[in-house]
Amino acid sequence: MPQLIMYWKNDGSAPVLPKVPEGCDICRYTELDGAMDKWLDIVQYGLSSGRCGEEYYRGSMLSLKLYSEDKCFFILENGQAVATITVVCDYETREGLIHMVACVESARGRGYGTLLTQIASYVLKTEGMERARLTTDDWRIPAIKSYLRIGFTPDRSTEDFMARWEKIYGQIGYKT
């Protein structure tokens, strides 16, 4: 089954840097010692089949032509990397991609998914992106709620997508 697709459109409002909770920090891949290992530790929770090695990072990230480690962000909770998101920007088409959003199980339910998507929105706006897209899975309900909160809209271009989105909307009580 293909992943669901969601789209974001820049509404032209000023970028707003999200408020980071006390005890947390935001840092970039380029600022974090051992970033690859920390990234691999995080993405094993829902994005990969257990803890993978460097080849998974290379295949998932470095294979993206426009990937920049400077736009891979981490949430640090009391100094520990607990969540990550990557924003890929195509300055030619002005289209962004939200990629590899994940949070360790022990830090779920603390609003980090929403914080990550707010960071992504901030980056997309400051980098001049007009639109963005992401892909997700039907079962990633907390992530989908976060994406909807910051203005991502579902791709309902096929009957399959429409049916799957209706089912998700029913699960989360979302009104179309």
N, C-alpha and C. Protein backbone atom coordinates (compact mmCIF):
# COMPACT_ATOMS: atom_id res chain seq x y z
N MET A 1 0.85 -1.17 0.00
CA MET A 1 0.00 0.00 0.00
C MET A 1 0.89 1.24 0.00
N PRO A 2 0.64 2.17 -0.93
CA PRO A 2 1.48 3.38 -0.98
C PRO A 2 1.25 4.27 0.23
N GLN A 3 2.28 5.01 0.59
CA GLN A 3 2.15 5.94 1.69
C GLN A 3 1.18 7.06 1.32
N LEU A 4 0.55 7.61 2.36
CA LEU A 4 -0.31 8.77 2.18
C LEU A 4 0.57 9.99 1.91
N ILE A 5 0.01 10.96 1.22
CA ILE A 5 0.73 12.19 0.88
C ILE A 5 -0.03 13.37 1.49
N MET A 6 0.72 14.32 2.00
CA MET A 6 0.13 15.55 2.52
C MET A 6 0.91 16.73 1.95
N TYR A 7 0.19 17.86 1.81
CA TYR A 7 0.77 19.06 1.23
C TYR A 7 0.62 20.24 2.17
N TRP A 8 1.59 21.14 2.08
CA TRP A 8 1.60 22.39 2.84
C TRP A 8 1.77 23.52 1.85
N LYS A 9 1.06 24.61 2.08
CA LYS A 9 1.20 25.79 1.23
C LYS A 9 1.54 26.97 2.13
N ASN A 10 2.55 27.71 1.74
CA ASN A 10 2.97 28.88 2.50
C ASN A 10 1.84 29.91 2.44
N ASP A 11 1.35 30.29 3.60
CA ASP A 11 0.23 31.25 3.65
C ASP A 11 0.69 32.70 3.62
N GLY A 12 1.99 32.91 3.53
CA GLY A 12 2.51 34.26 3.45
C GLY A 12 2.69 34.96 4.79
N SER A 13 2.26 34.33 5.86
CA SER A 13 2.44 34.95 7.18
C SER A 13 3.91 34.87 7.59
N ALA A 14 4.28 35.72 8.51
CA ALA A 14 5.67 35.75 8.98
C ALA A 14 6.02 34.44 9.68
N PRO A 15 7.25 33.97 9.48
CA PRO A 15 7.68 32.76 10.19
C PRO A 15 7.71 33.01 11.69
N VAL A 16 7.27 32.04 12.45
CA VAL A 16 7.27 32.15 13.91
C VAL A 16 8.12 31.02 14.46
N LEU A 17 9.18 31.40 15.16
CA LEU A 17 10.03 30.41 15.80
C LEU A 17 9.28 29.83 16.98
N PRO A 18 9.06 28.51 16.98
CA PRO A 18 8.26 27.92 18.07
C PRO A 18 8.97 28.01 19.42
N LYS A 19 8.15 28.05 20.45
CA LYS A 19 8.67 28.06 21.83
C LYS A 19 9.11 26.65 22.19
N VAL A 20 10.31 26.56 22.72
CA VAL A 20 10.88 25.27 23.09
C VAL A 20 10.64 25.05 24.59
N PRO A 21 10.09 23.92 24.97
CA PRO A 21 9.80 23.67 26.39
C PRO A 21 11.07 23.71 27.25
N GLU A 22 10.86 24.08 28.51
CA GLU A 22 11.96 24.09 29.47
C GLU A 22 12.58 22.69 29.55
N GLY A 23 13.89 22.65 29.61
CA GLY A 23 14.60 21.38 29.68
C GLY A 23 14.91 20.80 28.31
N CYS A 24 14.46 21.49 27.26
CA CYS A 24 14.69 21.03 25.89
C CYS A 24 15.50 22.05 25.12
N ASP A 25 16.15 21.56 24.10
CA ASP A 25 16.88 22.39 23.15
C ASP A 25 16.63 21.84 21.76
N ILE A 26 16.84 22.68 20.77
CA ILE A 26 16.80 22.26 19.37
C ILE A 26 18.22 22.39 18.84
N CYS A 27 18.69 21.38 18.14
CA CYS A 27 20.00 21.51 17.50
C CYS A 27 19.95 20.85 16.13
N ARG A 28 20.93 21.20 15.34
CA ARG A 28 21.05 20.66 13.99
C ARG A 28 22.00 19.46 13.99
N TYR A 29 21.85 18.63 13.00
CA TYR A 29 22.74 17.47 12.83
C TYR A 29 24.20 17.92 12.91
N THR A 30 24.50 19.03 12.28
CA THR A 30 25.88 19.53 12.22
C THR A 30 26.40 20.01 13.57
N GLU A 31 25.52 20.19 14.54
CA GLU A 31 25.92 20.69 15.86
C GLU A 31 25.98 19.61 16.93
N LEU A 32 25.62 18.38 16.56
CA LEU A 32 25.46 17.32 17.56
C LEU A 32 26.56 16.27 17.41
N ASP A 33 27.33 16.07 18.45
CA ASP A 33 28.35 15.02 18.42
C ASP A 33 27.67 13.66 18.27
N GLY A 34 28.19 12.83 17.40
CA GLY A 34 27.63 11.50 17.18
C GLY A 34 26.24 11.54 16.58
N ALA A 35 25.98 12.54 15.75
CA ALA A 35 24.62 12.76 15.22
C ALA A 35 24.07 11.56 14.48
N MET A 36 24.88 10.89 13.67
CA MET A 36 24.35 9.77 12.91
C MET A 36 23.85 8.66 13.83
N ASP A 37 24.62 8.32 14.83
CA ASP A 37 24.18 7.29 15.77
C ASP A 37 22.93 7.71 16.52
N LYS A 38 22.86 8.97 16.90
CA LYS A 38 21.67 9.45 17.61
C LYS A 38 20.45 9.44 16.69
N TRP A 39 20.65 9.82 15.43
CA TRP A 39 19.57 9.77 14.45
C TRP A 39 19.09 8.33 14.27
N LEU A 40 20.04 7.40 14.12
CA LEU A 40 19.69 5.98 13.96
C LEU A 40 18.97 5.45 15.20
N ASP A 41 19.38 5.90 16.38
CA ASP A 41 18.71 5.49 17.62
C ASP A 41 17.25 5.93 17.62
N ILE A 42 16.98 7.13 17.11
CA ILE A 42 15.61 7.68 17.13
C ILE A 42 14.73 7.04 16.06
N VAL A 43 15.23 6.95 14.84
CA VAL A 43 14.36 6.50 13.74
C VAL A 43 14.00 5.02 13.81
N GLN A 44 14.66 4.28 14.68
CA GLN A 44 14.29 2.87 14.82
C GLN A 44 12.88 2.72 15.41
N TYR A 45 12.34 3.82 15.96
CA TYR A 45 11.02 3.80 16.56
C TYR A 45 9.97 4.23 15.53
N GLY A 46 9.67 3.35 14.60
CA GLY A 46 8.59 3.59 13.66
C GLY A 46 9.00 3.84 12.23
N LEU A 47 10.27 4.10 11.98
CA LEU A 47 10.66 4.38 10.60
C LEU A 47 11.56 3.32 10.00
N SER A 48 12.20 2.53 10.82
CA SER A 48 13.04 1.45 10.30
C SER A 48 12.68 0.18 11.05
N SER A 49 13.21 -0.91 10.57
CA SER A 49 12.95 -2.20 11.21
C SER A 49 14.01 -2.45 12.27
N GLY A 50 13.87 -1.79 13.39
CA GLY A 50 14.86 -1.90 14.45
C GLY A 50 16.05 -0.99 14.20
N ARG A 51 17.06 -1.13 15.03
CA ARG A 51 18.26 -0.28 14.95
C ARG A 51 19.08 -0.69 13.74
N CYS A 52 19.23 0.22 12.80
CA CYS A 52 20.00 -0.03 11.58
C CYS A 52 21.37 0.62 11.69
N GLY A 53 22.18 0.37 10.68
CA GLY A 53 23.51 0.93 10.65
C GLY A 53 23.62 2.11 9.70
N GLU A 54 24.85 2.52 9.51
CA GLU A 54 25.16 3.69 8.70
C GLU A 54 24.57 3.61 7.29
N GLU A 55 24.46 2.43 6.74
CA GLU A 55 23.91 2.27 5.39
C GLU A 55 22.46 2.74 5.31
N TYR A 56 21.73 2.61 6.40
CA TYR A 56 20.34 3.09 6.42
C TYR A 56 20.31 4.62 6.34
N TYR A 57 21.18 5.27 7.07
CA TYR A 57 21.28 6.73 6.99
C TYR A 57 21.65 7.15 5.57
N ARG A 58 22.66 6.50 5.02
CA ARG A 58 23.09 6.86 3.67
C ARG A 58 21.95 6.69 2.68
N GLY A 59 21.21 5.59 2.77
CA GLY A 59 20.13 5.32 1.84
C GLY A 59 18.92 6.23 2.04
N SER A 60 18.63 6.58 3.28
CA SER A 60 17.46 7.40 3.59
C SER A 60 17.70 8.89 3.44
N MET A 61 18.92 9.32 3.68
CA MET A 61 19.20 10.75 3.72
C MET A 61 20.17 11.19 2.63
N LEU A 62 21.32 10.61 2.59
CA LEU A 62 22.34 11.06 1.65
C LEU A 62 21.96 10.78 0.20
N SER A 63 21.00 9.87 0.00
CA SER A 63 20.53 9.59 -1.36
C SER A 63 19.64 10.71 -1.90
N LEU A 64 19.15 11.58 -1.01
CA LEU A 64 18.33 12.72 -1.45
C LEU A 64 19.26 13.80 -2.00
N LYS A 65 19.08 14.13 -3.25
CA LYS A 65 19.97 15.06 -3.94
C LYS A 65 20.14 16.39 -3.20
N LEU A 66 19.08 16.89 -2.61
CA LEU A 66 19.11 18.22 -1.99
C LEU A 66 19.22 18.18 -0.46
N TYR A 67 19.48 17.01 0.10
CA TYR A 67 19.60 16.89 1.56
C TYR A 67 20.77 17.71 2.08
N SER A 68 20.52 18.41 3.17
CA SER A 68 21.56 19.17 3.86
C SER A 68 21.50 18.82 5.34
N GLU A 69 22.61 18.37 5.89
CA GLU A 69 22.65 18.02 7.31
C GLU A 69 22.29 19.21 8.19
N ASP A 70 22.43 20.41 7.65
CA ASP A 70 22.10 21.63 8.37
C ASP A 70 20.58 21.78 8.59
N LYS A 71 19.79 21.01 7.84
CA LYS A 71 18.33 21.08 7.98
C LYS A 71 17.75 19.80 8.57
N CYS A 72 18.59 19.03 9.22
CA CYS A 72 18.15 17.88 10.00
C CYS A 72 18.22 18.31 11.46
N PHE A 73 17.07 18.34 12.11
CA PHE A 73 16.97 18.89 13.47
C PHE A 73 16.69 17.80 14.50
N PHE A 74 17.15 18.06 15.70
CA PHE A 74 16.90 17.18 16.84
C PHE A 74 16.28 17.97 17.97
N ILE A 75 15.41 17.33 18.71
CA ILE A 75 14.99 17.85 20.00
C ILE A 75 15.83 17.12 21.04
N LEU A 76 16.47 17.91 21.87
CA LEU A 76 17.23 17.36 22.99
C LEU A 76 16.42 17.59 24.25
N GLU A 77 16.22 16.55 25.00
CA GLU A 77 15.52 16.63 26.28
C GLU A 77 16.54 16.30 27.36
N ASN A 78 16.81 17.28 28.19
CA ASN A 78 17.85 17.12 29.21
C ASN A 78 19.15 16.60 28.61
N GLY A 79 19.49 17.13 27.44
CA GLY A 79 20.74 16.78 26.77
C GLY A 79 20.71 15.53 25.91
N GLN A 80 19.62 14.79 25.93
CA GLN A 80 19.51 13.55 25.16
C GLN A 80 18.66 13.76 23.91
N ALA A 81 19.15 13.30 22.76
CA ALA A 81 18.39 13.41 21.52
C ALA A 81 17.19 12.47 21.58
N VAL A 82 15.98 13.04 21.45
CA VAL A 82 14.77 12.22 21.58
C VAL A 82 13.85 12.27 20.36
N ALA A 83 14.07 13.24 19.46
CA ALA A 83 13.20 13.35 18.29
C ALA A 83 13.96 14.03 17.16
N THR A 84 13.52 13.78 15.93
CA THR A 84 14.19 14.35 14.78
C THR A 84 13.22 14.65 13.65
N ILE A 85 13.58 15.60 12.83
CA ILE A 85 12.85 15.94 11.61
C ILE A 85 13.86 16.50 10.62
N THR A 86 13.61 16.28 9.35
CA THR A 86 14.46 16.83 8.31
C THR A 86 13.61 17.61 7.33
N VAL A 87 14.12 18.76 6.92
CA VAL A 87 13.49 19.60 5.91
C VAL A 87 14.44 19.66 4.72
N VAL A 88 13.92 19.31 3.56
CA VAL A 88 14.70 19.38 2.33
C VAL A 88 14.11 20.50 1.49
N CYS A 89 14.95 21.41 1.02
CA CYS A 89 14.48 22.57 0.26
C CYS A 89 15.02 22.55 -1.16
N ASP A 90 14.11 22.69 -2.11
CA ASP A 90 14.50 22.84 -3.51
C ASP A 90 14.31 24.31 -3.86
N TYR A 91 15.41 25.04 -3.91
CA TYR A 91 15.34 26.49 -4.12
C TYR A 91 14.92 26.85 -5.55
N GLU A 92 15.08 25.91 -6.46
CA GLU A 92 14.68 26.16 -7.85
C GLU A 92 13.16 26.10 -8.00
N THR A 93 12.54 25.05 -7.44
CA THR A 93 11.09 24.89 -7.56
C THR A 93 10.34 25.53 -6.39
N ARG A 94 11.09 25.90 -5.34
CA ARG A 94 10.53 26.48 -4.10
C ARG A 94 9.59 25.49 -3.41
N GLU A 95 9.94 24.21 -3.54
CA GLU A 95 9.16 23.16 -2.89
C GLU A 95 10.02 22.46 -1.84
N GLY A 96 9.42 22.24 -0.68
CA GLY A 96 10.11 21.56 0.39
C GLY A 96 9.60 20.14 0.58
N LEU A 97 10.35 19.39 1.31
CA LEU A 97 9.99 18.01 1.67
C LEU A 97 10.24 17.86 3.16
N ILE A 98 9.25 17.35 3.87
CA ILE A 98 9.43 16.99 5.28
C ILE A 98 9.74 15.49 5.28
N HIS A 99 10.80 15.12 5.96
CA HIS A 99 11.31 13.75 5.82
C HIS A 99 11.76 13.21 7.17
N MET A 100 11.52 11.94 7.39
CA MET A 100 12.05 11.19 8.53
C MET A 100 11.76 11.86 9.87
N VAL A 101 10.48 11.95 10.19
CA VAL A 101 10.03 12.53 11.47
C VAL A 101 9.87 11.37 12.45
N ALA A 102 10.56 11.44 13.57
CA ALA A 102 10.49 10.34 14.53
C ALA A 102 10.79 10.83 15.94
N CYS A 103 10.29 10.05 16.90
CA CYS A 103 10.49 10.34 18.32
C CYS A 103 10.67 9.02 19.06
N VAL A 104 11.60 8.99 20.01
CA VAL A 104 11.78 7.76 20.79
C VAL A 104 10.50 7.49 21.58
N GLU A 105 10.22 6.23 21.82
CA GLU A 105 8.98 5.86 22.51
C GLU A 105 8.84 6.52 23.87
N SER A 106 9.94 6.62 24.61
CA SER A 106 9.88 7.16 25.97
C SER A 106 9.55 8.65 26.02
N ALA A 107 9.63 9.34 24.88
CA ALA A 107 9.35 10.78 24.87
C ALA A 107 8.05 11.12 24.12
N ARG A 108 7.31 10.12 23.75
CA ARG A 108 6.06 10.37 23.03
C ARG A 108 5.00 10.93 23.96
N GLY A 109 4.08 11.69 23.37
CA GLY A 109 2.99 12.27 24.15
C GLY A 109 3.35 13.58 24.82
N ARG A 110 4.49 14.14 24.49
CA ARG A 110 4.94 15.40 25.10
C ARG A 110 4.86 16.58 24.15
N GLY A 111 4.26 16.37 22.98
CA GLY A 111 4.11 17.46 22.02
C GLY A 111 5.31 17.68 21.12
N TYR A 112 6.26 16.76 21.13
CA TYR A 112 7.46 16.95 20.32
C TYR A 112 7.16 16.85 18.82
N GLY A 113 6.19 16.04 18.44
CA GLY A 113 5.81 15.96 17.02
C GLY A 113 5.30 17.30 16.52
N THR A 114 4.47 17.94 17.33
CA THR A 114 3.96 19.26 16.96
C THR A 114 5.10 20.27 16.92
N LEU A 115 5.99 20.23 17.91
CA LEU A 115 7.14 21.14 17.92
C LEU A 115 8.00 20.92 16.67
N LEU A 116 8.24 19.67 16.31
CA LEU A 116 9.04 19.39 15.12
C LEU A 116 8.39 19.95 13.86
N THR A 117 7.08 19.78 13.74
CA THR A 117 6.41 20.28 12.53
C THR A 117 6.36 21.81 12.53
N GLN A 118 6.29 22.42 13.70
CA GLN A 118 6.39 23.89 13.77
C GLN A 118 7.78 24.37 13.34
N ILE A 119 8.80 23.63 13.74
CA ILE A 119 10.16 23.95 13.31
C ILE A 119 10.24 23.83 11.79
N ALA A 120 9.67 22.77 11.25
CA ALA A 120 9.69 22.57 9.79
C ALA A 120 8.99 23.73 9.09
N SER A 121 7.84 24.15 9.59
CA SER A 121 7.11 25.26 9.00
C SER A 121 7.96 26.53 9.04
N TYR A 122 8.61 26.77 10.16
CA TYR A 122 9.49 27.93 10.30
C TYR A 122 10.60 27.90 9.25
N VAL A 123 11.24 26.75 9.11
CA VAL A 123 12.34 26.61 8.14
C VAL A 123 11.82 26.79 6.72
N LEU A 124 10.70 26.17 6.39
CA LEU A 124 10.14 26.31 5.05
C LEU A 124 9.89 27.78 4.71
N LYS A 125 9.31 28.50 5.66
CA LYS A 125 9.02 29.91 5.43
C LYS A 125 10.29 30.75 5.33
N THR A 126 11.23 30.55 6.24
CA THR A 126 12.45 31.37 6.21
C THR A 126 13.29 31.06 4.98
N GLU A 127 13.16 29.86 4.44
CA GLU A 127 13.92 29.48 3.24
C GLU A 127 13.17 29.83 1.96
N GLY A 128 12.00 30.45 2.07
CA GLY A 128 11.27 30.91 0.91
C GLY A 128 10.52 29.84 0.13
N MET A 129 10.22 28.71 0.78
CA MET A 129 9.48 27.67 0.09
C MET A 129 8.01 28.08 -0.04
N GLU A 130 7.44 27.82 -1.19
CA GLU A 130 6.04 28.13 -1.45
C GLU A 130 5.11 26.99 -1.04
N ARG A 131 5.65 25.79 -1.09
CA ARG A 131 4.85 24.61 -0.76
C ARG A 131 5.79 23.50 -0.30
N ALA A 132 5.19 22.48 0.29
CA ALA A 132 5.97 21.32 0.74
C ALA A 132 5.07 20.09 0.70
N ARG A 133 5.70 18.97 0.80
CA ARG A 133 4.95 17.71 0.86
C ARG A 133 5.64 16.78 1.85
N LEU A 134 4.90 15.79 2.23
CA LEU A 134 5.44 14.72 3.06
C LEU A 134 4.67 13.46 2.76
N THR A 135 5.24 12.35 3.14
CA THR A 135 4.53 11.08 3.06
C THR A 135 4.46 10.50 4.46
N THR A 136 3.40 9.76 4.71
CA THR A 136 3.21 9.16 6.03
C THR A 136 2.41 7.88 5.89
N ASP A 137 2.30 7.17 6.97
CA ASP A 137 1.55 5.92 6.99
C ASP A 137 0.25 6.10 7.77
N ASP A 138 -0.75 5.33 7.41
CA ASP A 138 -2.07 5.41 8.03
C ASP A 138 -2.02 5.26 9.55
N TRP A 139 -1.14 4.43 10.05
CA TRP A 139 -1.09 4.13 11.48
C TRP A 139 -0.35 5.19 12.30
N ARG A 140 0.24 6.18 11.66
CA ARG A 140 1.00 7.22 12.39
C ARG A 140 0.08 8.36 12.79
N ILE A 141 -0.96 8.02 13.53
CA ILE A 141 -2.02 8.97 13.89
C ILE A 141 -1.48 10.20 14.64
N PRO A 142 -0.64 10.06 15.66
CA PRO A 142 -0.13 11.27 16.32
C PRO A 142 0.62 12.19 15.36
N ALA A 143 1.40 11.62 14.44
CA ALA A 143 2.11 12.44 13.46
C ALA A 143 1.12 13.15 12.54
N ILE A 144 0.12 12.43 12.09
CA ILE A 144 -0.88 13.03 11.20
C ILE A 144 -1.58 14.19 11.89
N LYS A 145 -1.91 14.04 13.17
CA LYS A 145 -2.52 15.15 13.91
C LYS A 145 -1.61 16.37 13.93
N SER A 146 -0.31 16.13 14.12
CA SER A 146 0.66 17.24 14.13
C SER A 146 0.71 17.92 12.77
N TYR A 147 0.70 17.14 11.73
CA TYR A 147 0.75 17.72 10.38
C TYR A 147 -0.50 18.55 10.10
N LEU A 148 -1.65 18.04 10.50
CA LEU A 148 -2.90 18.78 10.29
C LEU A 148 -2.88 20.10 11.08
N ARG A 149 -2.31 20.07 12.30
CA ARG A 149 -2.25 21.27 13.14
C ARG A 149 -1.50 22.43 12.49
N ILE A 150 -0.47 22.11 11.72
CA ILE A 150 0.30 23.21 11.12
C ILE A 150 -0.12 23.50 9.69
N GLY A 151 -1.20 22.89 9.25
CA GLY A 151 -1.76 23.26 7.95
C GLY A 151 -1.48 22.33 6.79
N PHE A 152 -0.93 21.16 7.05
CA PHE A 152 -0.80 20.20 5.95
C PHE A 152 -2.18 19.67 5.60
N THR A 153 -2.43 19.49 4.32
CA THR A 153 -3.71 18.95 3.86
C THR A 153 -3.48 17.63 3.14
N PRO A 154 -4.40 16.70 3.30
CA PRO A 154 -4.25 15.39 2.68
C PRO A 154 -4.44 15.42 1.16
N ASP A 155 -3.69 14.58 0.50
CA ASP A 155 -3.89 14.32 -0.92
C ASP A 155 -5.05 13.34 -1.02
N ARG A 156 -6.13 13.79 -1.59
CA ARG A 156 -7.32 12.95 -1.74
C ARG A 156 -7.60 12.71 -3.23
N SER A 157 -6.52 12.58 -4.00
CA SER A 157 -6.63 12.52 -5.46
C SER A 157 -7.08 11.18 -6.01
N THR A 158 -7.08 10.15 -5.18
CA THR A 158 -7.54 8.84 -5.66
C THR A 158 -8.62 8.33 -4.72
N GLU A 159 -9.40 7.37 -5.21
CA GLU A 159 -10.44 6.77 -4.35
C GLU A 159 -9.81 6.09 -3.15
N ASP A 160 -8.66 5.45 -3.35
CA ASP A 160 -7.97 4.79 -2.25
C ASP A 160 -7.57 5.81 -1.18
N PHE A 161 -6.93 6.90 -1.60
CA PHE A 161 -6.54 7.94 -0.64
C PHE A 161 -7.77 8.51 0.08
N MET A 162 -8.84 8.79 -0.66
CA MET A 162 -10.05 9.35 -0.03
C MET A 162 -10.59 8.42 1.04
N ALA A 163 -10.66 7.13 0.73
CA ALA A 163 -11.19 6.15 1.69
C ALA A 163 -10.29 6.06 2.93
N ARG A 164 -9.00 6.05 2.71
CA ARG A 164 -8.07 5.96 3.83
C ARG A 164 -8.13 7.21 4.71
N TRP A 165 -8.24 8.38 4.08
CA TRP A 165 -8.34 9.62 4.86
C TRP A 165 -9.65 9.67 5.63
N GLU A 166 -10.73 9.22 5.06
CA GLU A 166 -12.01 9.21 5.78
C GLU A 166 -11.92 8.33 7.02
N LYS A 167 -11.26 7.20 6.89
CA LYS A 167 -11.08 6.30 8.03
C LYS A 167 -10.25 6.98 9.13
N ILE A 168 -9.18 7.65 8.73
CA ILE A 168 -8.33 8.36 9.70
C ILE A 168 -9.11 9.48 10.35
N TYR A 169 -9.85 10.26 9.56
CA TYR A 169 -10.66 11.34 10.12
C TYR A 169 -11.63 10.80 11.17
N GLY A 170 -12.22 9.66 10.91
CA GLY A 170 -13.13 9.04 11.88
C GLY A 170 -12.41 8.68 13.16
N GLN A 171 -11.20 8.18 13.04
CA GLN A 171 -10.41 7.78 14.22
C GLN A 171 -10.06 8.98 15.10
N ILE A 172 -9.78 10.12 14.48
CA ILE A 172 -9.29 11.27 15.25
C ILE A 172 -10.37 12.32 15.50
N GLY A 173 -11.56 12.08 14.95
CA GLY A 173 -12.65 13.05 15.15
C GLY A 173 -12.45 14.34 14.37
N TYR A 174 -11.75 14.25 13.26
CA TYR A 174 -11.45 15.44 12.45
C TYR A 174 -12.62 15.71 11.50
N LYS A 175 -13.03 16.95 11.44
CA LYS A 175 -14.12 17.35 10.56
C LYS A 175 -13.56 17.93 9.28
N THR A 176 -14.05 17.46 8.13
CA THR A 176 -13.58 17.99 6.84
C THR A 176 -14.44 19.15 6.40
